[in-house]
Protein backbone atom coordinates (compact mmCIF):
# COMPACT_ATOMS: atom_id res chain seq x y z
CA MET A 1 0.00 0.00 0.00
CA ARG A 2 1.59 3.25 -1.20
CA PHE A 3 0.88 6.87 -0.36
CA ASP A 4 2.41 8.92 -3.17
CA LEU A 5 2.56 12.26 -1.39
CA LEU A 6 4.11 10.72 1.72
CA ASP A 7 6.62 8.86 -0.46
CA GLY A 8 7.50 12.21 -2.03
CA VAL A 9 7.98 13.84 1.37
CA ARG A 10 10.24 10.99 2.45
CA GLY A 11 12.22 11.27 -0.76
CA HIS A 12 12.76 14.99 -0.18
CA LEU A 13 13.96 14.30 3.36
CA LEU A 14 16.46 11.70 2.15
CA PHE A 15 17.86 14.04 -0.49
CA MET A 16 18.23 16.75 2.13
CA MET A 17 19.84 14.29 4.56
CA MET A 18 22.47 13.51 1.93
CA LEU A 19 23.09 17.24 1.46
CA ALA A 20 23.32 17.83 5.22
CA HIS A 21 25.87 15.04 5.65
CA LEU A 22 27.96 16.39 2.78
CA ALA A 23 27.82 19.77 4.51
CA ALA A 24 28.97 18.17 7.77
CA GLN A 25 32.37 17.38 6.23
CA PRO A 26 35.30 19.74 7.00
CA GLY A 27 35.09 22.97 5.03
CA MET A 28 31.74 22.12 3.41
CA SER A 29 29.31 23.85 5.79
CA TYR A 30 28.29 26.39 3.12
CA LEU A 31 26.22 23.67 1.45
CA MET A 32 23.66 24.16 4.21
CA ASP A 33 22.79 27.53 2.66
CA VAL A 34 20.49 25.66 0.23
CA HIS A 35 19.05 23.27 2.81
CA HIS A 36 15.54 23.69 4.20
CA ALA A 37 17.08 23.85 7.68
CA ARG A 38 18.00 27.43 6.84
CA VAL A 39 14.27 28.23 6.87
CA PHE A 40 13.03 26.05 9.72
CA GLN A 41 16.23 25.35 11.69
CA ILE A 42 15.28 21.69 11.92
CA LEU A 43 16.95 18.84 10.04
CA ASP A 44 15.56 15.68 8.47
CA ALA A 45 15.77 12.72 10.86
CA GLU A 46 12.96 14.12 13.01
CA PHE A 47 10.49 14.04 10.14
CA LEU A 48 11.65 10.64 8.87
CA VAL A 49 10.87 9.18 12.31
CA MET A 50 7.51 10.98 12.37
CA LEU A 51 6.68 9.74 8.88
CA SER A 52 7.53 6.17 9.85
CA GLY A 53 5.23 6.22 12.88
CA LEU A 54 2.47 7.93 10.90
CA LEU A 55 2.57 5.32 8.14
CA VAL A 56 2.42 2.41 10.61
CA GLY A 57 -0.60 4.01 12.26
CA ILE A 58 -2.31 4.57 8.91
CA LEU A 59 -1.62 0.97 7.88
CA TYR A 60 -3.15 -0.27 11.13
CA SER A 61 -6.24 1.86 10.56
CA LEU A 62 -6.70 0.86 6.91
CA LYS A 63 -5.22 -2.63 6.63
CA PHE A 64 -4.28 -4.42 9.84
CA GLN A 65 -7.04 -3.57 12.34
CA ASP A 66 -5.74 -6.38 14.51
CA PRO A 67 -2.85 -6.48 17.01
CA GLY A 68 -1.67 -9.84 15.67
CA ARG A 69 -1.34 -8.55 12.10
CA LEU A 70 0.44 -5.47 13.40
CA ALA A 71 2.92 -7.63 15.33
CA GLN A 72 3.57 -9.76 12.24
CA PHE A 73 4.21 -6.66 10.13
CA LEU A 74 6.57 -5.19 12.73
CA LYS A 75 8.51 -8.45 13.05
CA GLN A 76 9.06 -8.51 9.29
CA ARG A 77 10.10 -4.85 9.21
CA ILE A 78 12.55 -5.29 12.09
CA GLY A 79 14.22 -8.17 10.26
CA LYS A 80 14.44 -6.21 7.01
CA ILE A 81 15.78 -3.03 8.60
CA TYR A 82 18.31 -4.96 10.68
CA ARG A 83 19.66 -6.62 7.52
CA TYR A 84 20.05 -3.24 5.85
CA TYR A 85 21.65 -1.85 9.00
CA LEU A 86 24.28 -4.59 8.79
CA ILE A 87 24.90 -3.65 5.15
CA SER A 88 25.22 0.01 6.14
CA ALA A 89 28.02 -0.96 8.54
CA GLY A 90 30.19 -1.96 5.58
CA PRO A 91 32.24 1.29 5.47
CA PHE A 92 33.01 1.00 9.18
CA LEU A 93 34.28 -2.58 8.82
CA ILE A 94 36.23 -1.77 5.65
CA LEU A 95 37.98 1.14 7.34
CA LEU A 96 38.68 -1.03 10.37
CA ALA A 97 40.37 -3.59 8.12
CA LEU A 98 42.31 -0.93 6.20
CA GLU A 99 43.64 0.48 9.47
CA GLY A 100 45.47 -2.81 9.93
CA ALA A 101 43.34 -4.18 12.74
CA GLY A 102 44.10 -7.80 13.40
CA LEU A 103 41.64 -10.65 13.39
CA GLY A 104 40.76 -10.09 17.03
CA PRO A 105 39.85 -6.39 16.76
CA LEU A 106 38.03 -7.06 13.50
CA ALA A 107 35.96 -9.82 15.11
CA PHE A 108 35.26 -7.55 18.09
CA GLY A 109 34.19 -4.76 15.71
CA LEU A 110 31.86 -7.15 13.91
CA GLY A 111 30.37 -8.17 17.25
CA GLU A 112 29.76 -4.51 18.07
CA VAL A 113 27.98 -4.08 14.75
CA LEU A 114 25.76 -7.11 15.36
CA LEU A 115 24.76 -5.69 18.76
CA ILE A 116 24.14 -2.20 17.29
CA GLN A 117 27.02 -0.85 19.38
CA ASN A 118 28.97 0.44 16.42
CA GLY A 119 28.47 0.77 12.71
CA GLY A 120 29.94 3.96 11.40
CA ALA A 121 28.81 7.50 10.83
CA TYR A 122 25.40 8.59 9.57
CA SER A 123 23.59 5.25 9.97
CA ASP A 124 21.75 6.21 13.16
CA ILE A 125 18.28 6.32 11.65
CA LEU A 126 18.15 2.54 11.11
CA PRO A 127 18.79 1.70 14.81
CA ILE A 128 16.13 4.28 15.68
CA TYR A 129 13.67 2.46 13.43
CA ILE A 130 14.62 -0.92 14.91
CA TYR A 131 14.09 0.28 18.46
CA CYS A 132 10.80 2.04 17.67
CA PHE A 133 9.40 -0.97 15.85
CA ALA A 134 10.65 -3.36 18.54
CA LEU A 135 9.03 -1.33 21.31
CA LEU A 136 5.75 -1.13 19.41
CA PHE A 137 5.99 -4.88 18.72
CA VAL A 138 6.27 -5.62 22.45
CA LEU A 139 3.49 -3.21 23.38
CA SER A 140 1.20 -4.47 20.61
CA PHE A 141 0.46 -7.60 22.65
CA ALA A 142 -1.30 -5.39 25.20
CA LEU A 143 -3.71 -4.04 22.55
CA ARG A 144 -6.13 -6.90 23.15
CA PHE A 145 -6.70 -5.49 26.63
CA VAL A 146 -6.08 -1.73 26.40
CA PRO A 147 -6.93 0.99 23.86
CA GLN A 148 -4.29 2.27 21.43
CA GLY A 149 -3.94 5.53 23.33
CA ALA A 150 -2.66 3.60 26.35
CA LEU A 151 0.56 2.86 24.45
CA LEU A 152 1.50 6.52 24.80
CA LEU A 153 1.86 6.01 28.56
CA PRO A 154 4.86 3.61 28.59
CA SER A 155 6.33 5.46 25.62
CA GLY A 156 5.99 8.76 27.46
CA LEU A 157 7.48 7.34 30.65
CA ILE A 158 10.53 6.08 28.74
CA TYR A 159 10.85 9.53 27.19
CA LEU A 160 10.69 11.27 30.56
CA VAL A 161 13.35 9.01 32.08
CA SER A 162 15.59 9.48 29.03
CA LEU A 163 15.56 13.26 29.49
CA PHE A 164 17.80 12.80 32.54
CA ASN A 165 20.33 10.73 30.57
CA TYR A 166 22.78 12.52 28.27
CA ASP A 167 24.88 9.55 27.16
CA GLY A 168 22.90 8.84 23.98
CA GLY A 169 21.72 5.53 22.62
CA VAL A 170 19.17 3.66 24.72
CA PHE A 171 19.83 4.80 28.30
CA GLY A 172 23.49 4.92 27.28
CA TRP A 173 23.43 1.52 25.56
CA GLY A 174 24.56 2.13 22.02
CA GLY A 175 25.95 5.51 22.97
CA LYS A 176 29.35 4.63 21.53
CA PHE A 177 28.29 5.78 18.09
CA LEU A 178 24.60 6.67 18.31
CA VAL A 179 24.44 10.42 18.76
CA PHE A 180 20.65 10.32 19.06
CA ASP A 181 19.06 9.19 22.32
CA ILE A 182 16.77 6.52 20.88
CA ALA A 183 14.86 6.18 24.13
CA ALA A 184 13.76 9.77 23.67
CA TRP A 185 13.15 9.65 19.93
CA GLN A 186 10.76 6.70 20.16
CA PHE A 187 8.23 9.08 21.75
CA LEU A 188 8.10 11.09 18.51
CA PHE A 189 7.41 7.82 16.67
CA PHE A 190 4.57 6.87 19.04
CA ILE A 191 2.95 10.31 18.85
CA SER A 192 2.97 10.04 15.06
CA TYR A 193 1.67 6.47 15.22
CA TYR A 194 -1.29 7.71 17.25
CA PHE A 195 -1.99 10.48 14.72
CA GLY A 196 -1.83 7.86 11.96
CA LEU A 197 -4.42 5.73 13.71
CA HIS A 198 -6.83 8.67 13.64
CA PHE A 199 -5.86 10.17 10.29
CA ARG A 200 -9.36 9.76 8.85
CA GLN A 201 -10.94 11.62 11.75
CA ILE A 202 -8.28 14.33 11.41
CA LEU A 203 -8.92 14.66 7.67
CA ASN A 204 -12.69 14.76 8.22
CA TRP A 205 -12.28 17.50 10.80
CA LEU A 206 -10.01 19.55 8.54
CA ASN A 207 -12.34 19.16 5.56
CA GLY A 208 -15.32 20.10 7.73
CA LEU A 209 -13.92 23.52 8.61
CA SER A 210 -15.25 26.57 6.80
CA ALA A 211 -12.94 28.12 4.19
CA GLY A 212 -12.29 31.08 6.48
CA ALA A 213 -11.45 28.89 9.46
CA TYR A 214 -9.15 26.78 7.30
CA LEU A 215 -7.35 29.85 5.99
CA PHE A 216 -6.85 30.99 9.59
CA LEU A 217 -5.51 27.54 10.47
CA VAL A 218 -3.01 27.56 7.58
CA LEU A 219 -1.79 31.03 8.52
CA GLY A 220 -1.66 30.17 12.23
CA THR A 221 0.32 26.97 11.74
CA GLY A 222 2.56 28.83 9.29
CA VAL A 223 3.36 31.47 11.89
CA LEU A 224 4.18 28.73 14.42
CA ALA A 225 6.33 26.83 11.91
CA LEU A 226 8.38 29.90 11.05
CA GLY A 227 8.34 31.33 14.56
CA GLN A 228 9.72 28.20 16.17
CA ARG A 229 13.05 28.72 14.38
CA TRP A 230 13.92 31.32 17.02
CA ALA A 231 12.76 29.17 19.97
CA PHE A 232 16.19 28.29 21.28
CA TRP A 233 15.40 28.26 24.99
CA TYR A 234 16.25 24.81 26.32
CA PRO A 235 16.17 24.62 30.12
CA VAL A 236 18.50 21.87 31.28
CA ILE A 237 16.77 18.83 32.76
CA GLY A 238 18.85 17.25 35.49
CA ASN A 239 22.61 17.78 35.33
CA LEU A 240 24.19 18.49 31.96
CA PRO A 241 27.58 16.73 31.88
CA GLU A 242 30.65 18.34 30.40
CA GLY A 243 31.54 17.45 26.84
CA VAL A 244 28.04 16.94 25.44
CA ALA A 245 27.46 17.99 21.83
CA GLU A 246 26.44 21.59 21.20
CA ASN A 247 23.16 20.37 19.72
CA TRP A 248 22.40 18.12 22.71
CA PHE A 249 18.83 19.43 22.80
CA ARG A 250 18.18 17.87 19.40
CA MET A 251 19.92 14.58 20.15
CA GLN A 252 18.09 14.42 23.47
CA LEU A 253 14.79 15.42 21.83
CA HIS A 254 14.30 18.17 24.39
CA PRO A 255 10.57 18.95 24.90
CA VAL A 256 11.07 22.34 23.22
CA HIS A 257 12.66 20.67 20.20
CA LEU A 258 9.83 18.15 20.14
CA LEU A 259 7.26 20.97 20.03
CA ARG A 260 9.25 22.76 17.33
CA THR A 261 9.22 19.61 15.20
CA LEU A 262 5.48 19.11 15.66
CA ALA A 263 4.85 22.76 14.68
CA VAL A 264 6.61 22.36 11.32
CA ALA A 265 4.92 19.01 10.65
CA GLY A 266 1.53 20.52 11.53
CA PHE A 267 1.93 23.35 9.04
CA PHE A 268 2.82 21.09 6.12
CA THR A 269 0.00 18.69 7.00
CA VAL A 270 -2.58 21.48 6.97
CA ALA A 271 -1.14 23.08 3.84
CA LEU A 272 -1.17 19.78 1.91
CA VAL A 273 -4.60 18.51 2.91
CA ARG A 274 -6.89 21.16 1.47
CA ALA A 275 -6.82 24.16 -0.88
CA VAL A 276 -8.77 27.31 0.03
CA ARG A 277 -8.77 30.80 -1.41
CA GLY A 278 -5.58 32.59 -0.46
CA THR A 279 -3.53 29.42 0.08
CA ALA A 280 -4.56 27.30 -2.93
CA TRP A 281 -1.35 28.28 -4.72
CA LEU A 282 0.73 26.96 -1.81
CA THR A 283 -1.18 23.67 -1.72
CA ALA A 284 -0.79 23.28 -5.49
CA VAL A 285 2.97 23.90 -5.38
CA LEU A 286 3.52 21.51 -2.47
CA ARG A 287 1.41 18.77 -4.03
CA TRP A 288 3.18 19.17 -7.38
CA TYR A 289 6.60 19.09 -5.76
CA PHE A 290 6.01 16.07 -3.51
CA SER A 291 4.41 14.21 -6.44
CA LEU A 292 7.55 14.39 -8.57
CA ARG A 293 8.67 10.93 -9.67
CA LEU A 294 12.20 11.77 -8.57
CA LEU A 295 11.03 12.21 -4.97
CA ARG A 296 8.46 9.40 -5.00
CA TYR A 297 10.95 6.81 -6.28
CA CYS A 298 13.42 7.85 -3.59
CA GLY A 299 10.68 7.49 -0.97
CA VAL A 300 9.56 4.09 -2.25
CA TRP A 301 13.12 2.71 -1.98
CA ALA A 302 13.92 4.68 1.17
CA ILE A 303 15.92 2.03 3.05
CA GLN A 304 18.05 1.20 0.02
CA MET A 305 18.61 4.91 -0.60
CA PHE A 306 19.60 5.44 3.01
CA VAL A 307 22.21 2.67 2.84
CA ALA A 308 23.52 4.08 -0.46
CA HIS A 309 23.92 7.48 1.20
CA VAL A 310 26.03 5.97 3.99
CA TYR A 311 28.46 4.49 1.44
CA MET A 312 28.58 7.66 -0.64
CA ILE A 313 29.27 9.86 2.40
CA ALA A 314 32.01 7.47 3.54
CA LEU A 315 33.63 7.65 0.09
CA PHE A 316 33.32 11.44 -0.05
CA ALA A 317 34.89 11.80 3.42
CA ALA A 318 37.78 9.51 2.43
CA LEU A 319 38.54 11.47 -0.76
CA LEU A 320 37.93 14.98 0.60
CA PRO A 321 41.50 15.52 1.93
CA THR A 322 42.87 15.02 -1.61
CA TRP A 323 40.85 17.91 -3.10
CA ASP A 324 41.22 21.66 -2.89
CA ALA A 325 38.25 23.93 -2.08
CA GLY A 326 37.07 24.25 -5.68
CA GLN A 327 37.34 20.54 -6.37
CA SER A 328 35.51 19.76 -3.12
CA PHE A 329 32.55 21.87 -4.23
CA VAL A 330 32.42 20.27 -7.69
CA TRP A 331 32.62 16.77 -6.25
CA ALA A 332 29.96 17.56 -3.64
CA VAL A 333 27.60 18.64 -6.44
CA LEU A 334 28.42 15.48 -8.41
CA PHE A 335 27.84 13.23 -5.38
CA GLN A 336 24.53 14.95 -4.62
CA GLY A 337 23.48 14.72 -8.27
CA ALA A 338 24.42 11.04 -8.49
CA TYR A 339 22.44 10.35 -5.35
CA MET A 340 19.38 12.09 -6.78
CA ILE A 341 19.57 10.08 -10.01
CA LEU A 342 20.00 6.78 -8.18
CA PRO A 343 16.26 6.24 -7.39
CA PHE A 344 15.47 5.99 -11.11
CA GLY A 345 18.05 3.24 -11.50
CA ILE A 346 16.77 1.32 -8.47
CA HIS A 347 13.16 1.70 -9.59
CA TYR A 348 13.72 0.47 -13.13
CA VAL A 349 15.93 -2.43 -12.05
CA MET A 350 13.29 -3.57 -9.54
CA ALA A 351 10.53 -3.17 -12.12
CA TRP A 352 12.55 -5.23 -14.61
CA GLN A 353 13.08 -7.96 -12.02
CA ARG A 354 9.36 -8.08 -11.31
CA ARG A 355 8.51 -8.35 -15.00
CA ARG A 356 11.09 -11.10 -15.43
CA ALA A 357 9.76 -13.01 -12.42
CA ALA A 358 6.21 -12.67 -13.74
CA ALA A 359 7.25 -13.93 -17.16
CA LEU A 360 9.04 -16.95 -15.66
CA SER A 361 6.03 -17.83 -13.50
């Protein structure tokens, strides 16, 4: 079951994630000048996690409608994502071997990868998915006895406890390379999952508003989405240790950062759902953009595209010291362009394989 607009949004986020990780390399920060973070001051992982939870909730509402079918789906997704996570650890293991590590350190490094304790830069989103899906899988067995909204309680409690832990990972577990605190980020997933469960009621409510009320809602959410970019007040919860990253509030999913993320997501949701006089042009532009095949194909093959981005960033980082400033810019453009063409290749190869399998059967 596909949702074209949501696939397009996910594709946009993956393209921007690639750009952000190119910009994170030494001397390349100017690339962020053309990233949407310049407008909203929020990056991409937040919305990928939200989109994942939203889609699972929508699928439950439309397709599963049974805790057992949900658990089966989650078990399959966990297995698939874990396999791709292992593939994404390839650059880490290759570099470990090239550094001359002996058989012992290499075996230890492989063990760390298997336990999601290590795996290289920029592959954090896959462990986040694994943990979110695993937690929902465990909690899904309670759905025969409690309503869906009750799942927000254990999720929220885990989130609250995590706010006092600044080591990253899952209460510190996995903190060796996971810069995101997964125990906090799962709450964003569960909030989105709950919205997905009730997406039809939300759509009905939005469509039932008068044109004037809807225009006010678009403008109001727009003001919040743009206004939140200056909301940089993050009161410390507990004791902030020395040496934490400057953007700890994002990695920790500070409540203020959580609200900022929801504000931006709320604006785009309202703007995409319905066109009214005064904002119809905005809705038309957004729907056209997120319907582009380039974005949709990237969104359809999101996990494969994510793994490809890990390898491409690893290669770019390895070659960067051999280039001067001008060459670095040219190669960054070429890497970004190649990444944006890649979904067409994946799509047509997969389509060819399906046709071939159908012909053989």
